[in-house]
C-alpha atoms as a PDB file:
ATOM      1  CA  MET A   1       0.000   0.000   0.000  1.00  0.00           C
ATOM      2  CA  ALA A   2       2.840   2.399   0.837  1.00  0.00           C
ATOM      3  CA  ASP A   3       4.298   1.889  -2.624  1.00  0.00           C
ATOM      4  CA  THR A   4       1.687   4.077  -4.317  1.00  0.00           C
ATOM      5  CA  CYS A   5       3.103   7.148  -6.010  1.00  0.00           C
ATOM      6  CA  GLU A   6       1.551   9.419  -3.399  1.00  0.00           C
ATOM      7  CA  GLY A   7       2.933   7.424  -0.486  1.00  0.00           C
ATOM      8  CA  ARG A   8       6.392   7.368  -1.999  1.00  0.00           C
ATOM      9  CA  HIS A   9       6.238  11.096  -2.648  1.00  0.00           C
ATOM     10  CA  LEU A  10       5.143  11.881   0.910  1.00  0.00           C
ATOM     11  CA  ARG A  11       7.823   9.649   2.351  1.00  0.00           C
ATOM     12  CA  ARG A  12      10.446  11.373   0.210  1.00  0.00           C
ATOM     13  CA  LEU A  13       9.461  14.791   1.564  1.00  0.00           C
ATOM     14  CA  GLN A  14      10.136  13.781   5.159  1.00  0.00           C
ATOM     15  CA  PRO A  15      13.704  13.241   6.387  1.00  0.00           C
ATOM     16  CA  ARG A  16      14.385   9.563   6.986  1.00  0.00           C
ATOM     17  CA  ILE A  17      15.257   8.466  10.503  1.00  0.00           C
ATOM     18  CA  GLN A  18      17.816   5.688  10.294  1.00  0.00           C
ATOM     19  CA  ASN A  19      19.834   4.213  13.149  1.00  0.00           C
ATOM     20  CA  GLY A  20      18.345   6.838  15.455  1.00  0.00           C
ATOM     21  CA  LYS A  21      19.802   9.763  13.550  1.00  0.00           C
ATOM     22  CA  LYS A  22      18.063  12.009  11.057  1.00  0.00           C
ATOM     23  CA  GLU A  23      19.173  11.802   7.475  1.00  0.00           C
ATOM     24  CA  THR A  24      18.874  14.851   5.257  1.00  0.00           C
ATOM     25  CA  LEU A  25      17.042  14.467   1.971  1.00  0.00           C
ATOM     26  CA  PRO A  26      20.017  14.680  -0.443  1.00  0.00           C
ATOM     27  CA  GLN A  27      22.004  12.087   1.510  1.00  0.00           C
ATOM     28  CA  TYR A  28      19.060   9.679   1.431  1.00  0.00           C
ATOM     29  CA  LEU A  29      18.526  10.192  -2.294  1.00  0.00           C
ATOM     30  CA  ARG A  30      22.236   9.774  -2.956  1.00  0.00           C
ATOM     31  CA  LYS A  31      22.231   6.468  -1.076  1.00  0.00           C
ATOM     32  CA  GLN A  32      19.219   5.310  -3.081  1.00  0.00           C
ATOM     33  CA  ASN A  33      20.989   6.181  -6.326  1.00  0.00           C
ATOM     34  CA  GLU A  34      24.095   4.310  -5.210  1.00  0.00           C
ATOM     35  CA  LYS A  35      22.006   1.222  -4.467  1.00  0.00           C
ATOM     36  CA  ARG A  36      20.411   1.432  -7.900  1.00  0.00           C
ATOM     37  CA  LYS A  37      23.798   1.814  -9.574  1.00  0.00           C
ATOM     38  CA  ASN A  38      25.197  -1.177  -7.699  1.00  0.00           C
ATOM     39  CA  LEU A  39      22.190  -3.297  -8.650  1.00  0.00           C
ATOM     40  CA  ARG A  40      22.633  -2.383 -12.295  1.00  0.00           C
ATOM     41  CA  LYS A  41      26.339  -3.277 -12.169  1.00  0.00           C
ATOM     42  CA  ARG A  42      25.561  -6.621 -10.546  1.00  0.00           C
ATOM     43  CA  LYS A  43      22.935  -7.424 -13.179  1.00  0.00           C
ATOM     44  CA  LEU A  44      25.367  -6.620 -15.975  1.00  0.00           C
ATOM     45  CA  ALA A  45      28.081  -8.719 -14.342  1.00  0.00           C
ATOM     46  CA  GLN A  46      25.790 -11.748 -14.081  1.00  0.00           C
ATOM     47  CA  ARG A  47      25.109 -11.844 -17.830  1.00  0.00           C
END
């Protein structure tokens, strides 16, 4: 249910709380992008 566009958007607007410390928006987005990049690399390596 939380994966609707609206839910994702709302979640993105709020700073994530991870490991008890607040994470600013750009850091969180950067981490997400890194994860995506790594996944893509792994997929390419498997082929």
